[in-house]
C-alpha atoms as a PDB file:
ATOM      1  CA  MET A   1     -13.678 -12.920 -44.654  1.00  0.00           C
ATOM      2  CA  ASN A   2     -10.838 -12.500 -46.902  1.00  0.00           C
ATOM      3  CA  MET A   3     -10.554 -14.464 -50.247  1.00  0.00           C
ATOM      4  CA  PRO A   4      -7.330 -16.648 -50.336  1.00  0.00           C
ATOM      5  CA  VAL A   5      -4.304 -15.043 -52.089  1.00  0.00           C
ATOM      6  CA  LYS A   6      -3.975 -16.438 -55.717  1.00  0.00           C
ATOM      7  CA  LYS A   7      -1.495 -16.096 -58.431  1.00  0.00           C
ATOM      8  CA  HIS A   8      -3.151 -14.502 -61.682  1.00  0.00           C
ATOM      9  CA  ALA A   9      -1.670 -14.717 -65.158  1.00  0.00           C
ATOM     10  CA  ILE A  10      -2.790 -11.590 -67.084  1.00  0.00           C
ATOM     11  CA  THR A  11      -2.317  -9.819 -70.339  1.00  0.00           C
ATOM     12  CA  ILE A  12      -2.246  -6.107 -70.507  1.00  0.00           C
ATOM     13  CA  ALA A  13      -1.451  -4.347 -73.890  1.00  0.00           C
ATOM     14  CA  ASP A  14       0.093  -7.684 -75.231  1.00  0.00           C
ATOM     15  CA  GLU A  15       2.396  -7.801 -72.457  1.00  0.00           C
ATOM     16  CA  TYR A  16       2.056 -10.904 -69.972  1.00  0.00           C
ATOM     17  CA  TYR A  17       2.091 -10.365 -66.176  1.00  0.00           C
ATOM     18  CA  SER A  18       1.934 -12.574 -63.175  1.00  0.00           C
ATOM     19  CA  MET A  19       0.250 -11.102 -60.115  1.00  0.00           C
ATOM     20  CA  ILE A  20      -0.771 -12.109 -56.664  1.00  0.00           C
ATOM     21  CA  SER A  21      -4.024 -10.942 -55.238  1.00  0.00           C
ATOM     22  CA  ASP A  22      -6.973 -11.886 -52.882  1.00  0.00           C
ATOM     23  CA  GLU A  23      -9.554 -10.481 -55.370  1.00  0.00           C
ATOM     24  CA  PRO A  24     -11.872 -12.942 -57.038  1.00  0.00           C
ATOM     25  CA  GLU A  25     -10.794 -14.031 -60.454  1.00  0.00           C
ATOM     26  CA  THR A  26     -13.723 -12.537 -62.220  1.00  0.00           C
ATOM     27  CA  VAL A  27     -12.868  -8.969 -60.669  1.00  0.00           C
ATOM     28  CA  ILE A  28      -9.332  -9.290 -61.921  1.00  0.00           C
ATOM     29  CA  ALA A  29     -10.529 -10.382 -65.394  1.00  0.00           C
ATOM     30  CA  GLU A  30     -13.037  -7.352 -65.475  1.00  0.00           C
ATOM     31  CA  ALA A  31     -10.244  -4.974 -64.475  1.00  0.00           C
ATOM     32  CA  VAL A  32      -8.018  -6.313 -67.141  1.00  0.00           C
ATOM     33  CA  VAL A  33     -10.639  -6.022 -69.706  1.00  0.00           C
ATOM     34  CA  GLN A  34     -11.524  -2.494 -68.705  1.00  0.00           C
ATOM     35  CA  LEU A  35      -7.730  -1.477 -68.635  1.00  0.00           C
ATOM     36  CA  ASN A  36      -7.157  -3.063 -72.128  1.00  0.00           C
ATOM     37  CA  GLU A  37     -10.182  -1.263 -73.542  1.00  0.00           C
ATOM     38  CA  THR A  38      -8.881   2.185 -72.122  1.00  0.00           C
ATOM     39  CA  ILE A  39      -5.323   1.538 -73.439  1.00  0.00           C
ATOM     40  CA  GLY A  40      -6.678   0.596 -76.792  1.00  0.00           C
ATOM     41  CA  ALA A  41      -8.912   3.650 -77.089  1.00  0.00           C
ATOM     42  CA  ILE A  42      -5.992   6.024 -76.088  1.00  0.00           C
ATOM     43  CA  ALA A  43      -3.526   4.214 -78.399  1.00  0.00           C
ATOM     44  CA  GLY A  44      -6.028   4.469 -81.190  1.00  0.00           C
ATOM     45  CA  GLN A  45      -6.252   8.362 -80.676  1.00  0.00           C
ATOM     46  CA  ALA A  46      -2.603   9.144 -79.759  1.00  0.00           C
ATOM     47  CA  ASN A  47      -0.153  10.295 -82.242  1.00  0.00           C
ATOM     48  CA  PHE A  48       2.617   8.268 -80.300  1.00  0.00           C
ATOM     49  CA  VAL A  49       3.443   4.768 -79.729  1.00  0.00           C
ATOM     50  CA  ASP A  50       5.220   4.717 -76.420  1.00  0.00           C
ATOM     51  CA  LYS A  51       3.393   1.941 -74.408  1.00  0.00           C
ATOM     52  CA  LYS A  52       4.517   3.281 -71.016  1.00  0.00           C
ATOM     53  CA  ARG A  53       3.112   6.782 -71.861  1.00  0.00           C
ATOM     54  CA  ILE A  54      -0.189   5.124 -73.003  1.00  0.00           C
ATOM     55  CA  ALA A  55      -0.431   2.962 -70.008  1.00  0.00           C
ATOM     56  CA  THR A  56       0.266   5.912 -67.631  1.00  0.00           C
ATOM     57  CA  LEU A  57      -2.536   7.770 -69.599  1.00  0.00           C
ATOM     58  CA  ALA A  58      -4.767   4.946 -69.216  1.00  0.00           C
ATOM     59  CA  ALA A  59      -4.078   4.915 -65.495  1.00  0.00           C
ATOM     60  CA  LEU A  60      -4.875   8.453 -64.928  1.00  0.00           C
ATOM     61  CA  GLN A  61      -8.097   8.173 -66.951  1.00  0.00           C
ATOM     62  CA  LEU A  62      -9.179   5.299 -64.703  1.00  0.00           C
ATOM     63  CA  SER A  63      -8.058   7.008 -61.541  1.00  0.00           C
ATOM     64  CA  VAL A  64     -10.203  10.069 -62.568  1.00  0.00           C
ATOM     65  CA  GLN A  65     -13.190   7.838 -63.341  1.00  0.00           C
ATOM     66  CA  LEU A  66     -12.856   6.198 -59.900  1.00  0.00           C
ATOM     67  CA  ILE A  67     -12.805   9.608 -58.019  1.00  0.00           C
ATOM     68  CA  GLN A  68     -15.861  10.624 -59.985  1.00  0.00           C
ATOM     69  CA  VAL A  69     -17.705   7.521 -58.791  1.00  0.00           C
ATOM     70  CA  LYS A  70     -16.480   7.960 -55.252  1.00  0.00           C
ATOM     71  CA  ASN A  71     -17.811  11.727 -55.198  1.00  0.00           C
ATOM     72  CA  GLN A  72     -21.001  10.431 -56.654  1.00  0.00           C
ATOM     73  CA  LEU A  73     -21.345   7.916 -53.993  1.00  0.00           C
ATOM     74  CA  THR A  74     -20.627  10.548 -51.308  1.00  0.00           C
ATOM     75  CA  ALA A  75     -23.451  12.818 -52.741  1.00  0.00           C
ATOM     76  CA  ILE A  76     -25.746   9.872 -52.810  1.00  0.00           C
ATOM     77  CA  GLU A  77     -25.188   8.802 -49.241  1.00  0.00           C
ATOM     78  CA  ARG A  78     -25.344  12.724 -48.335  1.00  0.00           C
ATOM     79  CA  ALA A  79     -28.892  12.869 -49.885  1.00  0.00           C
ATOM     80  CA  GLN A  80     -29.728   9.552 -48.343  1.00  0.00           C
ATOM     81  CA  ARG A  81     -29.070  10.795 -44.796  1.00  0.00           C
ATOM     82  CA  GLU A  82     -30.902  13.930 -45.490  1.00  0.00           C
ATOM     83  CA  ILE A  83     -34.070  12.107 -46.633  1.00  0.00           C
ATOM     84  CA  VAL A  84     -33.717   9.851 -43.510  1.00  0.00           C
ATOM     85  CA  CYS A  85     -33.575  13.090 -41.340  1.00  0.00           C
ATOM     86  CA  ALA A  86     -36.580  14.581 -43.196  1.00  0.00           C
ATOM     87  CA  ILE A  87     -38.706  11.491 -42.525  1.00  0.00           C
ATOM     88  CA  ASP A  88     -37.546  11.303 -38.856  1.00  0.00           C
ATOM     89  CA  GLN A  89     -38.678  14.936 -38.424  1.00  0.00           C
ATOM     90  CA  ALA A  90     -42.054  14.494 -40.152  1.00  0.00           C
ATOM     91  CA  ASN A  91     -42.599  11.578 -37.796  1.00  0.00           C
ATOM     92  CA  LEU A  92     -42.070  13.701 -34.748  1.00  0.00           C
END
């Protein structure tokens, strides 16, 4: 069952945004914290101040992390299937 669509007021890199989502408020809040932390880390290391560029690099970094987690999940699922097959064959 989908959550009801709700309007959220969020702040990213000191900019205020309004967004509509069916995600729970806690998920949105956690995502905003993670994004702001990533933007802050990049801004602290960057030798430039362009907010758009920093936000783009933060989005790229978080996308890479998402891909890595998806790949890890795929590997875990593959290992799980192999274990189940081994157990099934041992029981024959």
